[in-house]
Amino acid sequence: MAIKEDFDTLIEKLKTERDEIHLKLQLASMEAKEEFETAEQQWQVVKAKAAEIADDSVETTEEFIAKAKIVGDELKETYQRIAKRLTE
């Protein structure tokens, strides 16, 4: 009967590990969704700034363009973090 007991113990350990992984996946997914929602707000800002920069009738300064680029770079890093989290 020792083999059956070992097998039962293995099954319990596997079930526990499976449940923990499943929970971590759900939490990671929730975190990724929340981070993506925040990134969406940044995306709207970047799009608006890009439209202003592209509009020849709106005067833009080098400083404005530099700040828009910083926001864009931050958004790029956020997207990379989210993508990495989803592939882990």
PDB file of N, CA and C in Angstrom:
ATOM      1  N   MET A   1       0.806  -1.207   0.000  1.00  0.00           N
ATOM      2  CA  MET A   1       0.000   0.000   0.000  1.00  0.00           C
ATOM      3  C   MET A   1       0.849   1.270   0.000  1.00  0.00           C
ATOM      4  N   ALA A   2       2.138   1.136   0.229  1.00  0.00           N
ATOM      5  CA  ALA A   2       3.005   2.308   0.258  1.00  0.00           C
ATOM      6  C   ALA A   2       3.009   3.021  -1.092  1.00  0.00           C
ATOM      7  N   ILE A   3       2.932   2.262  -2.171  1.00  0.00           N
ATOM      8  CA  ILE A   3       2.913   2.867  -3.498  1.00  0.00           C
ATOM      9  C   ILE A   3       1.656   3.704  -3.668  1.00  0.00           C
ATOM     10  N   LYS A   4       0.524   3.209  -3.198  1.00  0.00           N
ATOM     11  CA  LYS A   4      -0.730   3.961  -3.306  1.00  0.00           C
ATOM     12  C   LYS A   4      -0.657   5.242  -2.478  1.00  0.00           C
ATOM     13  N   GLU A   5      -0.098   5.146  -1.285  1.00  0.00           N
ATOM     14  CA  GLU A   5       0.048   6.332  -0.434  1.00  0.00           C
ATOM     15  C   GLU A   5       0.984   7.355  -1.079  1.00  0.00           C
ATOM     16  N   ASP A   6       2.082   6.886  -1.665  1.00  0.00           N
ATOM     17  CA  ASP A   6       3.004   7.779  -2.366  1.00  0.00           C
ATOM     18  C   ASP A   6       2.305   8.461  -3.527  1.00  0.00           C
ATOM     19  N   PHE A   7       1.516   7.661  -4.252  1.00  0.00           N
ATOM     20  CA  PHE A   7       0.794   8.221  -5.388  1.00  0.00           C
ATOM     21  C   PHE A   7      -0.229   9.256  -4.923  1.00  0.00           C
ATOM     22  N   ASP A   8      -0.951   8.962  -3.858  1.00  0.00           N
ATOM     23  CA  ASP A   8      -1.927   9.912  -3.315  1.00  0.00           C
ATOM     24  C   ASP A   8      -1.242  11.207  -2.883  1.00  0.00           C
ATOM     25  N   THR A   9      -0.083  11.091  -2.259  1.00  0.00           N
ATOM     26  CA  THR A   9       0.682  12.266  -1.836  1.00  0.00           C
ATOM     27  C   THR A   9       1.119  13.079  -3.052  1.00  0.00           C
ATOM     28  N   LEU A  10       1.587  12.377  -4.077  1.00  0.00           N
ATOM     29  CA  LEU A  10       1.990  13.054  -5.312  1.00  0.00           C
ATOM     30  C   LEU A  10       0.809  13.806  -5.922  1.00  0.00           C
ATOM     31  N   ILE A  11      -0.332  13.178  -5.974  1.00  0.00           N
ATOM     32  CA  ILE A  11      -1.523  13.809  -6.547  1.00  0.00           C
ATOM     33  C   ILE A  11      -1.889  15.067  -5.761  1.00  0.00           C
ATOM     34  N   GLU A  12      -1.831  14.998  -4.448  1.00  0.00           N
ATOM     35  CA  GLU A  12      -2.144  16.169  -3.617  1.00  0.00           C
ATOM     36  C   GLU A  12      -1.156  17.307  -3.869  1.00  0.00           C
ATOM     37  N   LYS A  13       0.131  16.968  -3.968  1.00  0.00           N
ATOM     38  CA  LYS A  13       1.144  17.988  -4.232  1.00  0.00           C
ATOM     39  C   LYS A  13       0.921  18.616  -5.607  1.00  0.00           C
ATOM     40  N   LEU A  14       0.623  17.782  -6.593  1.00  0.00           N
ATOM     41  CA  LEU A  14       0.362  18.290  -7.940  1.00  0.00           C
ATOM     42  C   LEU A  14      -0.866  19.203  -7.957  1.00  0.00           C
ATOM     43  N   LYS A  15      -1.904  18.797  -7.240  1.00  0.00           N
ATOM     44  CA  LYS A  15      -3.123  19.600  -7.184  1.00  0.00           C
ATOM     45  C   LYS A  15      -2.831  20.961  -6.549  1.00  0.00           C
ATOM     46  N   THR A  16      -2.079  20.957  -5.462  1.00  0.00           N
ATOM     47  CA  THR A  16      -1.733  22.199  -4.778  1.00  0.00           C
ATOM     48  C   THR A  16      -0.905  23.104  -5.685  1.00  0.00           C
ATOM     49  N   GLU A  17       0.091  22.524  -6.332  1.00  0.00           N
ATOM     50  CA  GLU A  17       0.942  23.306  -7.225  1.00  0.00           C
ATOM     51  C   GLU A  17       0.134  23.860  -8.404  1.00  0.00           C
ATOM     52  N   ARG A  18      -0.744  23.025  -8.952  1.00  0.00           N
ATOM     53  CA  ARG A  18      -1.590  23.453 -10.064  1.00  0.00           C
ATOM     54  C   ARG A  18      -2.476  24.619  -9.646  1.00  0.00           C
ATOM     55  N   ASP A  19      -3.095  24.509  -8.472  1.00  0.00           N
ATOM     56  CA  ASP A  19      -3.971  25.574  -7.979  1.00  0.00           C
ATOM     57  C   ASP A  19      -3.197  26.875  -7.769  1.00  0.00           C
ATOM     58  N   GLU A  20      -1.979  26.782  -7.221  1.00  0.00           N
ATOM     59  CA  GLU A  20      -1.148  27.967  -6.995  1.00  0.00           C
ATOM     60  C   GLU A  20      -0.776  28.631  -8.319  1.00  0.00           C
ATOM     61  N   ILE A  21      -0.391  27.826  -9.291  1.00  0.00           N
ATOM     62  CA  ILE A  21      -0.036  28.375 -10.607  1.00  0.00           C
ATOM     63  C   ILE A  21      -1.251  29.023 -11.259  1.00  0.00           C
ATOM     64  N   HIS A  22      -2.372  28.369 -11.159  1.00  0.00           N
ATOM     65  CA  HIS A  22      -3.599  28.919 -11.738  1.00  0.00           C
ATOM     66  C   HIS A  22      -3.929  30.271 -11.121  1.00  0.00           C
ATOM     67  N   LEU A  23      -3.809  30.390  -9.825  1.00  0.00           N
ATOM     68  CA  LEU A  23      -4.068  31.652  -9.143  1.00  0.00           C
ATOM     69  C   LEU A  23      -3.074  32.725  -9.583  1.00  0.00           C
ATOM     70  N   LYS A  24      -1.797  32.363  -9.665  1.00  0.00           N
ATOM     71  CA  LYS A  24      -0.783  33.327 -10.099  1.00  0.00           C
ATOM     72  C   LYS A  24      -1.054  33.809 -11.520  1.00  0.00           C
ATOM     73  N   LEU A  25      -1.499  32.905 -12.386  1.00  0.00           N
ATOM     74  CA  LEU A  25      -1.830  33.296 -13.758  1.00  0.00           C
ATOM     75  C   LEU A  25      -2.983  34.290 -13.783  1.00  0.00           C
ATOM     76  N   GLN A  26      -3.985  34.040 -12.970  1.00  0.00           N
ATOM     77  CA  GLN A  26      -5.125  34.956 -12.919  1.00  0.00           C
ATOM     78  C   GLN A  26      -4.697  36.318 -12.388  1.00  0.00           C
ATOM     79  N   LEU A  27      -3.886  36.326 -11.338  1.00  0.00           N
ATOM     80  CA  LEU A  27      -3.430  37.589 -10.765  1.00  0.00           C
ATOM     81  C   LEU A  27      -2.541  38.338 -11.748  1.00  0.00           C
ATOM     82  N   ALA A  28      -1.656  37.620 -12.420  1.00  0.00           N
ATOM     83  CA  ALA A  28      -0.782  38.267 -13.406  1.00  0.00           C
ATOM     84  C   ALA A  28      -1.621  38.857 -14.522  1.00  0.00           C
ATOM     85  N   SER A  29      -2.628  38.128 -14.904  1.00  0.00           N
ATOM     86  CA  SER A  29      -3.506  38.612 -15.963  1.00  0.00           C
ATOM     87  C   SER A  29      -4.229  39.870 -15.516  1.00  0.00           C
ATOM     88  N   MET A  30      -4.697  39.895 -14.273  1.00  0.00           N
ATOM     89  CA  MET A  30      -5.382  41.076 -13.752  1.00  0.00           C
ATOM     90  C   MET A  30      -4.421  42.254 -13.695  1.00  0.00           C
ATOM     91  N   GLU A  31      -3.203  42.011 -13.228  1.00  0.00           N
ATOM     92  CA  GLU A  31      -2.201  43.076 -13.147  1.00  0.00           C
ATOM     93  C   GLU A  31      -1.887  43.609 -14.544  1.00  0.00           C
ATOM     94  N   ALA A  32      -1.755  42.703 -15.502  1.00  0.00           N
ATOM     95  CA  ALA A  32      -1.460  43.120 -16.875  1.00  0.00           C
ATOM     96  C   ALA A  32      -2.608  43.952 -17.431  1.00  0.00           C
ATOM     97  N   LYS A  33      -3.834  43.540 -17.149  1.00  0.00           N
ATOM     98  CA  LYS A  33      -5.002  44.299 -17.623  1.00  0.00           C
ATOM     99  C   LYS A  33      -5.024  45.695 -17.013  1.00  0.00           C
ATOM    100  N   GLU A  34      -4.754  45.778 -15.713  1.00  0.00           N
ATOM    101  CA  GLU A  34      -4.743  47.082 -15.045  1.00  0.00           C
ATOM    102  C   GLU A  34      -3.636  47.968 -15.607  1.00  0.00           C
ATOM    103  N   GLU A  35      -2.462  47.378 -15.829  1.00  0.00           N
ATOM    104  CA  GLU A  35      -1.364  48.164 -16.374  1.00  0.00           C
ATOM    105  C   GLU A  35      -1.686  48.606 -17.798  1.00  0.00           C
ATOM    106  N   PHE A  36      -2.360  47.745 -18.550  1.00  0.00           N
ATOM    107  CA  PHE A  36      -2.733  48.097 -19.913  1.00  0.00           C
ATOM    108  C   PHE A  36      -3.743  49.240 -19.923  1.00  0.00           C
ATOM    109  N   GLU A  37      -4.682  49.217 -18.986  1.00  0.00           N
ATOM    110  CA  GLU A  37      -5.657  50.305 -18.902  1.00  0.00           C
ATOM    111  C   GLU A  37      -4.963  51.642 -18.628  1.00  0.00           C
ATOM    112  N   THR A  38      -3.966  51.629 -17.763  1.00  0.00           N
ATOM    113  CA  THR A  38      -3.194  52.839 -17.496  1.00  0.00           C
ATOM    114  C   THR A  38      -2.425  53.249 -18.753  1.00  0.00           C
ATOM    115  N   ALA A  39      -1.873  52.260 -19.446  1.00  0.00           N
ATOM    116  CA  ALA A  39      -1.139  52.539 -20.682  1.00  0.00           C
ATOM    117  C   ALA A  39      -2.063  53.135 -21.736  1.00  0.00           C
ATOM    118  N   GLU A  40      -3.316  52.716 -21.747  1.00  0.00           N
ATOM    119  CA  GLU A  40      -4.271  53.264 -22.705  1.00  0.00           C
ATOM    120  C   GLU A  40      -4.457  54.767 -22.499  1.00  0.00           C
ATOM    121  N   GLN A  41      -4.446  55.206 -21.257  1.00  0.00           N
ATOM    122  CA  GLN A  41      -4.552  56.638 -20.970  1.00  0.00           C
ATOM    123  C   GLN A  41      -3.318  57.365 -21.515  1.00  0.00           C
ATOM    124  N   GLN A  42      -2.153  56.767 -21.325  1.00  0.00           N
ATOM    125  CA  GLN A  42      -0.926  57.359 -21.862  1.00  0.00           C
ATOM    126  C   GLN A  42      -0.981  57.382 -23.387  1.00  0.00           C
ATOM    127  N   TRP A  43      -1.528  56.338 -23.978  1.00  0.00           N
ATOM    128  CA  TRP A  43      -1.641  56.259 -25.435  1.00  0.00           C
ATOM    129  C   TRP A  43      -2.480  57.420 -25.966  1.00  0.00           C
ATOM    130  N   GLN A  44      -3.557  57.731 -25.280  1.00  0.00           N
ATOM    131  CA  GLN A  44      -4.403  58.856 -25.702  1.00  0.00           C
ATOM    132  C   GLN A  44      -3.615  60.166 -25.669  1.00  0.00           C
ATOM    133  N   VAL A  45      -2.787  60.338 -24.651  1.00  0.00           N
ATOM    134  CA  VAL A  45      -1.954  61.539 -24.537  1.00  0.00           C
ATOM    135  C   VAL A  45      -0.953  61.590 -25.687  1.00  0.00           C
ATOM    136  N   VAL A  46      -0.305  60.462 -25.956  1.00  0.00           N
ATOM    137  CA  VAL A  46       0.687  60.410 -27.031  1.00  0.00           C
ATOM    138  C   VAL A  46       0.021  60.701 -28.380  1.00  0.00           C
ATOM    139  N   LYS A  47      -1.143  60.114 -28.618  1.00  0.00           N
ATOM    140  CA  LYS A  47      -1.850  60.362 -29.878  1.00  0.00           C
ATOM    141  C   LYS A  47      -2.197  61.836 -30.035  1.00  0.00           C
ATOM    142  N   ALA A  48      -2.670  62.449 -28.951  1.00  0.00           N
ATOM    143  CA  ALA A  48      -3.039  63.865 -29.003  1.00  0.00           C
ATOM    144  C   ALA A  48      -1.808  64.729 -29.282  1.00  0.00           C
ATOM    145  N   LYS A  49      -0.710  64.431 -28.616  1.00  0.00           N
ATOM    146  CA  LYS A  49       0.526  65.197 -28.837  1.00  0.00           C
ATOM    147  C   LYS A  49       1.030  64.991 -30.258  1.00  0.00           C
ATOM    148  N   ALA A  50       0.944  63.762 -30.759  1.00  0.00           N
ATOM    149  CA  ALA A  50       1.389  63.481 -32.123  1.00  0.00           C
ATOM    150  C   ALA A  50       0.544  64.255 -33.131  1.00  0.00           C
ATOM    151  N   ALA A  51      -0.747  64.343 -32.863  1.00  0.00           N
ATOM    152  CA  ALA A  51      -1.627  65.095 -33.759  1.00  0.00           C
ATOM    153  C   ALA A  51      -1.262  66.575 -33.757  1.00  0.00           C
ATOM    154  N   GLU A  52      -0.944  67.110 -32.587  1.00  0.00           N
ATOM    155  CA  GLU A  52      -0.538  68.518 -32.494  1.00  0.00           C
ATOM    156  C   GLU A  52       0.772  68.752 -33.235  1.00  0.00           C
ATOM    157  N   ILE A  53       1.705  67.834 -33.082  1.00  0.00           N
ATOM    158  CA  ILE A  53       3.003  67.976 -33.741  1.00  0.00           C
ATOM    159  C   ILE A  53       2.828  67.893 -35.261  1.00  0.00           C
ATOM    160  N   ALA A  54       1.958  67.011 -35.709  1.00  0.00           N
ATOM    161  CA  ALA A  54       1.737  66.837 -37.152  1.00  0.00           C
ATOM    162  C   ALA A  54       0.960  67.987 -37.776  1.00  0.00           C
ATOM    163  N   ASP A  55       0.181  68.696 -36.955  1.00  0.00           N
ATOM    164  CA  ASP A  55      -0.643  69.800 -37.454  1.00  0.00           C
ATOM    165  C   ASP A  55       0.235  71.031 -37.685  1.00  0.00           C
ATOM    166  N   ASP A  56       0.401  71.385 -38.944  1.00  0.00           N
ATOM    167  CA  ASP A  56       1.266  72.518 -39.279  1.00  0.00           C
ATOM    168  C   ASP A  56       0.727  73.843 -38.763  1.00  0.00           C
ATOM    169  N   SER A  57      -0.573  73.912 -38.481  1.00  0.00           N
ATOM    170  CA  SER A  57      -1.136  75.179 -38.018  1.00  0.00           C
ATOM    171  C   SER A  57      -0.900  75.405 -36.517  1.00  0.00           C
ATOM    172  N   VAL A  58      -0.473  74.361 -35.834  1.00  0.00           N
ATOM    173  CA  VAL A  58      -0.187  74.479 -34.399  1.00  0.00           C
ATOM    174  C   VAL A  58       1.322  74.597 -34.218  1.00  0.00           C
ATOM    175  N   GLU A  59       1.716  75.637 -33.515  1.00  0.00           N
ATOM    176  CA  GLU A  59       3.142  75.836 -33.285  1.00  0.00           C
ATOM    177  C   GLU A  59       3.605  74.920 -32.159  1.00  0.00           C
ATOM    178  N   THR A  60       4.637  74.146 -32.437  1.00  0.00           N
ATOM    179  CA  THR A  60       5.194  73.255 -31.415  1.00  0.00           C
ATOM    180  C   THR A  60       6.662  73.595 -31.217  1.00  0.00           C
ATOM    181  N   THR A  61       7.110  73.469 -29.981  1.00  0.00           N
ATOM    182  CA  THR A  61       8.498  73.760 -29.653  1.00  0.00           C
ATOM    183  C   THR A  61       9.285  72.458 -29.556  1.00  0.00           C
ATOM    184  N   GLU A  62      10.569  72.598 -29.582  1.00  0.00           N
ATOM    185  CA  GLU A  62      11.443  71.435 -29.397  1.00  0.00           C
ATOM    186  C   GLU A  62      11.171  70.793 -28.036  1.00  0.00           C
ATOM    187  N   GLU A  63      10.929  71.637 -27.041  1.00  0.00           N
ATOM    188  CA  GLU A  63      10.657  71.129 -25.687  1.00  0.00           C
ATOM    189  C   GLU A  63       9.378  70.299 -25.673  1.00  0.00           C
ATOM    190  N   PHE A  64       8.340  70.770 -26.364  1.00  0.00           N
ATOM    191  CA  PHE A  64       7.071  70.043 -26.442  1.00  0.00           C
ATOM    192  C   PHE A  64       7.286  68.681 -27.095  1.00  0.00           C
ATOM    193  N   ILE A  65       8.043  68.682 -28.188  1.00  0.00           N
ATOM    194  CA  ILE A  65       8.308  67.431 -28.902  1.00  0.00           C
ATOM    195  C   ILE A  65       9.132  66.488 -28.027  1.00  0.00           C
ATOM    196  N   ALA A  66      10.106  67.035 -27.304  1.00  0.00           N
ATOM    197  CA  ALA A  66      10.949  66.216 -26.418  1.00  0.00           C
ATOM    198  C   ALA A  66      10.106  65.585 -25.314  1.00  0.00           C
ATOM    199  N   LYS A  67       9.179  66.353 -24.741  1.00  0.00           N
ATOM    200  CA  LYS A  67       8.312  65.806 -23.689  1.00  0.00           C
ATOM    201  C   LYS A  67       7.388  64.733 -24.249  1.00  0.00           C
ATOM    202  N   ALA A  68       6.873  64.959 -25.445  1.00  0.00           N
ATOM    203  CA  ALA A  68       6.015  63.957 -26.083  1.00  0.00           C
ATOM    204  C   ALA A  68       6.797  62.668 -26.321  1.00  0.00           C
ATOM    205  N   LYS A  69       8.073  62.820 -26.722  1.00  0.00           N
ATOM    206  CA  LYS A  69       8.909  61.640 -26.945  1.00  0.00           C
ATOM    207  C   LYS A  69       9.152  60.883 -25.646  1.00  0.00           C
ATOM    208  N   ILE A  70       9.336  61.594 -24.548  1.00  0.00           N
ATOM    209  CA  ILE A  70       9.533  60.944 -23.245  1.00  0.00           C
ATOM    210  C   ILE A  70       8.308  60.110 -22.885  1.00  0.00           C
ATOM    211  N   VAL A  71       7.131  60.700 -23.051  1.00  0.00           N
ATOM    212  CA  VAL A  71       5.896  59.966 -22.756  1.00  0.00           C
ATOM    213  C   VAL A  71       5.788  58.743 -23.665  1.00  0.00           C
ATOM    214  N   GLY A  72       6.147  58.910 -24.931  1.00  0.00           N
ATOM    215  CA  GLY A  72       6.117  57.779 -25.865  1.00  0.00           C
ATOM    216  C   GLY A  72       7.084  56.680 -25.467  1.00  0.00           C
ATOM    217  N   ASP A  73       8.280  57.070 -25.038  1.00  0.00           N
ATOM    218  CA  ASP A  73       9.265  56.078 -24.594  1.00  0.00           C
ATOM    219  C   ASP A  73       8.782  55.335 -23.354  1.00  0.00           C
ATOM    220  N   GLU A  74       8.163  56.053 -22.425  1.00  0.00           N
ATOM    221  CA  GLU A  74       7.611  55.412 -21.222  1.00  0.00           C
ATOM    222  C   GLU A  74       6.510  54.423 -21.602  1.00  0.00           C
ATOM    223  N   LEU A  75       5.693  54.798 -22.554  1.00  0.00           N
ATOM    224  CA  LEU A  75       4.618  53.918 -23.006  1.00  0.00           C
ATOM    225  C   LEU A  75       5.205  52.664 -23.659  1.00  0.00           C
ATOM    226  N   LYS A  76       6.257  52.835 -24.429  1.00  0.00           N
ATOM    227  CA  LYS A  76       6.919  51.695 -25.060  1.00  0.00           C
ATOM    228  C   LYS A  76       7.425  50.719 -24.003  1.00  0.00           C
ATOM    229  N   GLU A  77       8.047  51.239 -22.955  1.00  0.00           N
ATOM    230  CA  GLU A  77       8.542  50.392 -21.866  1.00  0.00           C
ATOM    231  C   GLU A  77       7.388  49.671 -21.170  1.00  0.00           C
ATOM    232  N   THR A  78       6.287  50.372 -20.984  1.00  0.00           N
ATOM    233  CA  THR A  78       5.111  49.758 -20.356  1.00  0.00           C
ATOM    234  C   THR A  78       4.599  48.604 -21.205  1.00  0.00           C
ATOM    235  N   TYR A  79       4.484  48.823 -22.512  1.00  0.00           N
ATOM    236  CA  TYR A  79       4.027  47.753 -23.403  1.00  0.00           C
ATOM    237  C   TYR A  79       4.972  46.561 -23.360  1.00  0.00           C
ATOM    238  N   GLN A  80       6.264  46.812 -23.295  1.00  0.00           N
ATOM    239  CA  GLN A  80       7.237  45.722 -23.230  1.00  0.00           C
ATOM    240  C   GLN A  80       7.097  44.936 -21.935  1.00  0.00           C
ATOM    241  N   ARG A  81       6.874  45.649 -20.828  1.00  0.00           N
ATOM    242  CA  ARG A  81       6.670  44.972 -19.534  1.00  0.00           C
ATOM    243  C   ARG A  81       5.431  44.094 -19.577  1.00  0.00           C
ATOM    244  N   ILE A  82       4.353  44.616 -20.146  1.00  0.00           N
ATOM    245  CA  ILE A  82       3.096  43.854 -20.224  1.00  0.00           C
ATOM    246  C   ILE A  82       3.314  42.612 -21.101  1.00  0.00           C
ATOM    247  N   ALA A  83       3.944  42.795 -22.244  1.00  0.00           N
ATOM    248  CA  ALA A  83       4.188  41.657 -23.142  1.00  0.00           C
ATOM    249  C   ALA A  83       5.040  40.595 -22.463  1.00  0.00           C
ATOM    250  N   LYS A  84       6.062  41.031 -21.737  1.00  0.00           N
ATOM    251  CA  LYS A  84       6.931  40.080 -21.037  1.00  0.00           C
ATOM    252  C   LYS A  84       6.137  39.320 -19.982  1.00  0.00           C
ATOM    253  N   ARG A  85       5.288  40.032 -19.249  1.00  0.00           N
ATOM    254  CA  ARG A  85       4.482  39.388 -18.203  1.00  0.00           C
ATOM    255  C   ARG A  85       3.550  38.347 -18.806  1.00  0.00           C
ATOM    256  N   LEU A  86       3.040  38.617 -19.984  1.00  0.00           N
ATOM    257  CA  LEU A  86       2.112  37.685 -20.612  1.00  0.00           C
ATOM    258  C   LEU A  86       2.798  36.455 -21.181  1.00  0.00           C
ATOM    259  N   THR A  87       4.095  36.547 -21.438  1.00  0.00           N
ATOM    260  CA  THR A  87       4.808  35.399 -21.986  1.00  0.00           C
ATOM    261  C   THR A  87       5.506  34.565 -20.921  1.00  0.00           C
ATOM    262  N   GLU A  88       5.545  35.060 -19.700  1.00  0.00           N
ATOM    263  CA  GLU A  88       6.213  34.297 -18.623  1.00  0.00           C
ATOM    264  C   GLU A  88       5.328  33.197 -18.109  1.00  0.00           C
TER     265      GLU A  88
END
